[in-house]
Amino acid sequence: MQKKFGGAAIFLDRSDINTDEIIPAKYLTEVTKEALKPYILEDLKLDGFDPKGDDLKNATVVVTRENFGCGSSREHAPWVFEVNDVHTVIAESYARIFRQNMFNCGMLAIELPKQDIDALMALRQAGKVTVAVDLDAQKLTAQAGDQKKEFSFEISQFDKALVEAGGWVEFADARY
């Protein structure tokens, strides 16, 4: 499956969002990724956030704060984003295992410094935010109304290769 990077953004303006908030542990017995789909961010408590709302249903990008994906090390957290067509997460920092699981699934975990995340968060004041990602140039452009901001990010060659291949399994199949 070809993944799309960028699109409509949803903002989770909080640090330390853990894997239990991303996908509650009670659903980890599901046997398919697709079965996880309706439970994305079900237990996330955040003022103004509705896990069943249209903002999340239409989002393909998550923008958040530091230490995203902390807590239990489980692939289910990136999987629930993947089955909901959210292939790009932009944060100040990630829990190490969550970040690598994103790349292993062929998804983007973009890290930006706090001032860039603050600028992205502020852009919401101009309206709905859309994000365009240029993986080759390692740049992203965020736009809301008539306001546009550009940011640079870094990604290792290996993680970029995982993303371009579609994930670890596809990367390994092509090379071994």
C-alpha atoms as a PDB file:
ATOM      1  CA  MET A   1       0.000   0.000   0.000  1.00  0.00           C
ATOM      2  CA  GLN A   2       1.394   3.396  -0.974  1.00  0.00           C
ATOM      3  CA  LYS A   3       1.285   5.708   2.001  1.00  0.00           C
ATOM      4  CA  LYS A   4       0.464   9.397   1.715  1.00  0.00           C
ATOM      5  CA  PHE A   5       2.486  11.789   3.826  1.00  0.00           C
ATOM      6  CA  GLY A   6       0.907  15.090   4.700  1.00  0.00           C
ATOM      7  CA  GLY A   7      -2.663  16.322   4.507  1.00  0.00           C
ATOM      8  CA  ALA A   8      -5.107  17.631   7.092  1.00  0.00           C
ATOM      9  CA  ALA A   9      -3.569  18.041  10.540  1.00  0.00           C
ATOM     10  CA  ILE A  10      -4.989  17.424  13.987  1.00  0.00           C
ATOM     11  CA  PHE A  11      -3.288  18.957  17.015  1.00  0.00           C
ATOM     12  CA  LEU A  12      -2.798  17.086  20.272  1.00  0.00           C
ATOM     13  CA  ASP A  13      -1.364  19.883  22.385  1.00  0.00           C
ATOM     14  CA  ARG A  14       0.075  17.849  25.243  1.00  0.00           C
ATOM     15  CA  SER A  15       3.333  16.123  26.124  1.00  0.00           C
ATOM     16  CA  ASP A  16       3.697  12.503  27.240  1.00  0.00           C
ATOM     17  CA  ILE A  17       0.785  11.003  25.292  1.00  0.00           C
ATOM     18  CA  ASN A  18       1.289   7.315  25.947  1.00  0.00           C
ATOM     19  CA  THR A  19       0.549   4.178  23.978  1.00  0.00           C
ATOM     20  CA  ASP A  20      -2.448   3.329  26.203  1.00  0.00           C
ATOM     21  CA  GLU A  21      -4.005   6.651  25.187  1.00  0.00           C
ATOM     22  CA  ILE A  22      -3.184   5.988  21.525  1.00  0.00           C
ATOM     23  CA  ILE A  23      -4.758   2.502  21.609  1.00  0.00           C
ATOM     24  CA  PRO A  24      -6.144   1.180  24.914  1.00  0.00           C
ATOM     25  CA  ALA A  25      -4.624  -2.107  26.106  1.00  0.00           C
ATOM     26  CA  LYS A  26      -8.036  -3.822  26.184  1.00  0.00           C
ATOM     27  CA  TYR A  27      -7.947  -3.941  22.351  1.00  0.00           C
ATOM     28  CA  LEU A  28      -4.535  -5.598  22.051  1.00  0.00           C
ATOM     29  CA  THR A  29      -6.168  -9.003  21.673  1.00  0.00           C
ATOM     30  CA  GLU A  30      -7.563  -8.022  18.256  1.00  0.00           C
ATOM     31  CA  VAL A  31      -6.060 -10.186  15.531  1.00  0.00           C
ATOM     32  CA  THR A  32      -6.049  -7.676  12.668  1.00  0.00           C
ATOM     33  CA  LYS A  33      -4.844  -4.110  12.360  1.00  0.00           C
ATOM     34  CA  GLU A  34      -8.204  -3.154  10.850  1.00  0.00           C
ATOM     35  CA  ALA A  35     -10.014  -4.241  14.032  1.00  0.00           C
ATOM     36  CA  LEU A  36      -8.132  -1.511  15.920  1.00  0.00           C
ATOM     37  CA  LYS A  37      -9.433   1.273  13.662  1.00  0.00           C
ATOM     38  CA  PRO A  38     -12.435   2.562  15.680  1.00  0.00           C
ATOM     39  CA  TYR A  39     -10.466   2.782  18.932  1.00  0.00           C
ATOM     40  CA  ILE A  40      -7.821   5.323  17.917  1.00  0.00           C
ATOM     41  CA  LEU A  41      -7.066   7.759  20.759  1.00  0.00           C
ATOM     42  CA  GLU A  42     -10.180   6.524  22.573  1.00  0.00           C
ATOM     43  CA  ASP A  43      -8.755   7.122  26.061  1.00  0.00           C
ATOM     44  CA  LEU A  44      -6.994  10.430  25.319  1.00  0.00           C
ATOM     45  CA  LYS A  45      -8.222  13.135  27.675  1.00  0.00           C
ATOM     46  CA  LEU A  46      -7.568  16.536  26.164  1.00  0.00           C
ATOM     47  CA  ASP A  47      -9.763  19.647  26.339  1.00  0.00           C
ATOM     48  CA  GLY A  48     -11.780  20.003  23.142  1.00  0.00           C
ATOM     49  CA  PHE A  49     -10.677  16.658  21.708  1.00  0.00           C
ATOM     50  CA  ASP A  50     -13.294  14.152  20.555  1.00  0.00           C
ATOM     51  CA  PRO A  51     -11.866  10.797  19.429  1.00  0.00           C
ATOM     52  CA  LYS A  52     -15.053  10.183  17.431  1.00  0.00           C
ATOM     53  CA  GLY A  53     -15.125  13.678  15.897  1.00  0.00           C
ATOM     54  CA  ASP A  54     -14.677  14.725  12.294  1.00  0.00           C
ATOM     55  CA  ASP A  55     -11.344  16.434  12.974  1.00  0.00           C
ATOM     56  CA  LEU A  56      -9.733  13.072  13.727  1.00  0.00           C
ATOM     57  CA  LYS A  57     -11.645  11.222  11.010  1.00  0.00           C
ATOM     58  CA  ASN A  58     -10.350  13.673   8.388  1.00  0.00           C
ATOM     59  CA  ALA A  59      -6.794  13.962   9.731  1.00  0.00           C
ATOM     60  CA  THR A  60      -3.795  12.326   8.070  1.00  0.00           C
ATOM     61  CA  VAL A  61      -1.197  14.184  10.172  1.00  0.00           C
ATOM     62  CA  VAL A  62      -0.840  14.447  13.952  1.00  0.00           C
ATOM     63  CA  VAL A  63       1.050  17.381  15.496  1.00  0.00           C
ATOM     64  CA  THR A  64       1.921  17.014  19.163  1.00  0.00           C
ATOM     65  CA  ARG A  65       4.442  17.807  21.880  1.00  0.00           C
ATOM     66  CA  GLU A  66       7.331  15.905  23.479  1.00  0.00           C
ATOM     67  CA  ASN A  67       7.747  12.240  24.429  1.00  0.00           C
ATOM     68  CA  PHE A  68       4.941  11.045  22.166  1.00  0.00           C
ATOM     69  CA  GLY A  69       4.290   7.305  22.321  1.00  0.00           C
ATOM     70  CA  CYS A  70       5.778   6.762  25.764  1.00  0.00           C
ATOM     71  CA  GLY A  71       4.657   3.866  27.931  1.00  0.00           C
ATOM     72  CA  SER A  72       4.353   0.282  26.781  1.00  0.00           C
ATOM     73  CA  SER A  73       6.342  -0.791  23.750  1.00  0.00           C
ATOM     74  CA  ARG A  74       3.744  -2.079  21.323  1.00  0.00           C
ATOM     75  CA  GLU A  75       3.402  -1.962  17.559  1.00  0.00           C
ATOM     76  CA  HIS A  76      -0.344  -1.496  17.949  1.00  0.00           C
ATOM     77  CA  ALA A  77       0.145   2.239  18.549  1.00  0.00           C
ATOM     78  CA  PRO A  78       1.570   2.956  15.071  1.00  0.00           C
ATOM     79  CA  TRP A  79      -0.782   0.351  13.572  1.00  0.00           C
ATOM     80  CA  VAL A  80      -3.886   2.210  14.754  1.00  0.00           C
ATOM     81  CA  PHE A  81      -2.587   5.353  13.038  1.00  0.00           C
ATOM     82  CA  GLU A  82      -1.771   3.375   9.888  1.00  0.00           C
ATOM     83  CA  VAL A  83      -5.277   1.868   9.548  1.00  0.00           C
ATOM     84  CA  ASN A  84      -6.743   5.353  10.046  1.00  0.00           C
ATOM     85  CA  ASP A  85      -4.558   6.757   7.200  1.00  0.00           C
ATOM     86  CA  VAL A  86      -2.454   8.842   9.584  1.00  0.00           C
ATOM     87  CA  HIS A  87       1.032   8.228   8.216  1.00  0.00           C
ATOM     88  CA  THR A  88       2.764  11.350   9.537  1.00  0.00           C
ATOM     89  CA  VAL A  89       3.293  12.337  13.161  1.00  0.00           C
ATOM     90  CA  ILE A  90       5.159  15.552  13.965  1.00  0.00           C
ATOM     91  CA  ALA A  91       6.416  16.003  17.529  1.00  0.00           C
ATOM     92  CA  GLU A  92       9.177  17.554  19.604  1.00  0.00           C
ATOM     93  CA  SER A  93      10.352  14.068  20.576  1.00  0.00           C
ATOM     94  CA  TYR A  94       9.232  10.451  20.739  1.00  0.00           C
ATOM     95  CA  ALA A  95       9.662   7.460  22.954  1.00  0.00           C
ATOM     96  CA  ARG A  96      12.467   5.558  21.212  1.00  0.00           C
ATOM     97  CA  ILE A  97      10.534   2.348  20.537  1.00  0.00           C
ATOM     98  CA  PHE A  98       7.419   4.153  19.273  1.00  0.00           C
ATOM     99  CA  ARG A  99       9.555   6.226  16.892  1.00  0.00           C
ATOM    100  CA  GLN A 100      11.285   3.154  15.473  1.00  0.00           C
ATOM    101  CA  ASN A 101       7.977   1.287  15.181  1.00  0.00           C
ATOM    102  CA  MET A 102       6.678   4.170  13.057  1.00  0.00           C
ATOM    103  CA  PHE A 103       9.608   3.823  10.640  1.00  0.00           C
ATOM    104  CA  ASN A 104       9.341   0.019  10.718  1.00  0.00           C
ATOM    105  CA  CYS A 105       5.737   0.434   9.536  1.00  0.00           C
ATOM    106  CA  GLY A 106       6.863   2.772   6.733  1.00  0.00           C
ATOM    107  CA  MET A 107       5.447   5.862   8.425  1.00  0.00           C
ATOM    108  CA  LEU A 108       7.013   9.222   9.228  1.00  0.00           C
ATOM    109  CA  ALA A 109       7.909  10.292  12.761  1.00  0.00           C
ATOM    110  CA  ILE A 110       9.180  13.831  12.188  1.00  0.00           C
ATOM    111  CA  GLU A 111      10.940  15.611  15.037  1.00  0.00           C
ATOM    112  CA  LEU A 112      10.943  19.402  15.183  1.00  0.00           C
ATOM    113  CA  PRO A 113      12.320  21.705  17.876  1.00  0.00           C
ATOM    114  CA  LYS A 114       9.891  23.235  20.375  1.00  0.00           C
ATOM    115  CA  GLN A 115       9.856  26.634  18.648  1.00  0.00           C
ATOM    116  CA  ASP A 116       8.781  24.990  15.363  1.00  0.00           C
ATOM    117  CA  ILE A 117       6.056  22.981  17.114  1.00  0.00           C
ATOM    118  CA  ASP A 118       4.912  26.217  18.801  1.00  0.00           C
ATOM    119  CA  ALA A 119       4.753  27.906  15.371  1.00  0.00           C
ATOM    120  CA  LEU A 120       2.717  24.991  13.985  1.00  0.00           C
ATOM    121  CA  MET A 121       0.364  25.130  16.961  1.00  0.00           C
ATOM    122  CA  ALA A 122      -0.082  28.890  16.477  1.00  0.00           C
ATOM    123  CA  LEU A 123      -0.936  28.408  12.802  1.00  0.00           C
ATOM    124  CA  ARG A 124      -4.263  26.878  13.901  1.00  0.00           C
ATOM    125  CA  GLN A 125      -5.477  30.415  14.617  1.00  0.00           C
ATOM    126  CA  ALA A 126      -5.615  31.012  10.840  1.00  0.00           C
ATOM    127  CA  GLY A 127      -7.922  28.019  10.233  1.00  0.00           C
ATOM    128  CA  LYS A 128      -7.652  24.353   9.317  1.00  0.00           C
ATOM    129  CA  VAL A 129      -4.021  23.368   8.822  1.00  0.00           C
ATOM    130  CA  THR A 130      -2.749  21.197   5.998  1.00  0.00           C
ATOM    131  CA  VAL A 131       0.781  19.866   5.831  1.00  0.00           C
ATOM    132  CA  ALA A 132       2.797  18.958   2.735  1.00  0.00           C
ATOM    133  CA  VAL A 133       5.859  16.751   3.224  1.00  0.00           C
ATOM    134  CA  ASP A 134       8.847  16.640   0.872  1.00  0.00           C
ATOM    135  CA  LEU A 135      10.770  13.598   2.083  1.00  0.00           C
ATOM    136  CA  ASP A 136      13.634  14.059  -0.387  1.00  0.00           C
ATOM    137  CA  ALA A 137      14.225  17.692   0.598  1.00  0.00           C
ATOM    138  CA  GLN A 138      13.403  16.896   4.247  1.00  0.00           C
ATOM    139  CA  LYS A 139      11.035  19.846   4.451  1.00  0.00           C
ATOM    140  CA  LEU A 140       7.440  20.274   5.403  1.00  0.00           C
ATOM    141  CA  THR A 141       5.129  23.132   4.588  1.00  0.00           C
ATOM    142  CA  ALA A 142       2.120  23.927   6.766  1.00  0.00           C
ATOM    143  CA  GLN A 143      -0.653  26.176   5.515  1.00  0.00           C
ATOM    144  CA  ALA A 144      -3.798  27.631   7.046  1.00  0.00           C
ATOM    145  CA  GLY A 145      -5.771  30.299   5.246  1.00  0.00           C
ATOM    146  CA  ASP A 146      -3.268  32.698   3.680  1.00  0.00           C
ATOM    147  CA  GLN A 147      -0.492  31.796   6.135  1.00  0.00           C
ATOM    148  CA  LYS A 148       2.262  29.390   5.181  1.00  0.00           C
ATOM    149  CA  LYS A 149       5.258  28.170   7.190  1.00  0.00           C
ATOM    150  CA  GLU A 150       8.132  25.945   6.094  1.00  0.00           C
ATOM    151  CA  PHE A 151      10.205  23.711   8.364  1.00  0.00           C
ATOM    152  CA  SER A 152      13.244  21.499   7.822  1.00  0.00           C
ATOM    153  CA  PHE A 153      13.620  18.131   9.503  1.00  0.00           C
ATOM    154  CA  GLU A 154      16.259  15.436   9.632  1.00  0.00           C
ATOM    155  CA  ILE A 155      15.793  11.740   9.028  1.00  0.00           C
ATOM    156  CA  SER A 156      18.546   9.140   8.845  1.00  0.00           C
ATOM    157  CA  GLN A 157      19.213   7.459   5.508  1.00  0.00           C
ATOM    158  CA  PHE A 158      18.182   4.116   6.988  1.00  0.00           C
ATOM    159  CA  ASP A 159      14.863   5.415   8.365  1.00  0.00           C
ATOM    160  CA  LYS A 160      14.215   7.174   5.059  1.00  0.00           C
ATOM    161  CA  ALA A 161      14.863   3.886   3.234  1.00  0.00           C
ATOM    162  CA  LEU A 162      12.365   2.130   5.534  1.00  0.00           C
ATOM    163  CA  VAL A 163       9.738   4.783   4.793  1.00  0.00           C
ATOM    164  CA  GLU A 164      10.379   4.683   1.047  1.00  0.00           C
ATOM    165  CA  ALA A 165      10.164   0.873   1.019  1.00  0.00           C
ATOM    166  CA  GLY A 166       6.856   0.920   2.898  1.00  0.00           C
ATOM    167  CA  GLY A 167       8.277  -0.515   6.116  1.00  0.00           C
ATOM    168  CA  TRP A 168      10.779  -3.005   7.489  1.00  0.00           C
ATOM    169  CA  VAL A 169       9.209  -6.117   5.918  1.00  0.00           C
ATOM    170  CA  GLU A 170       9.151  -4.578   2.449  1.00  0.00           C
ATOM    171  CA  PHE A 171      12.689  -3.208   2.954  1.00  0.00           C
ATOM    172  CA  ALA A 172      13.983  -6.662   3.927  1.00  0.00           C
ATOM    173  CA  ASP A 173      12.071  -8.437   1.126  1.00  0.00           C
ATOM    174  CA  ALA A 174      13.701  -6.167  -1.456  1.00  0.00           C
ATOM    175  CA  ARG A 175      17.214  -6.719  -0.132  1.00  0.00           C
ATOM    176  CA  TYR A 176      17.519 -10.196   1.346  1.00  0.00           C
END
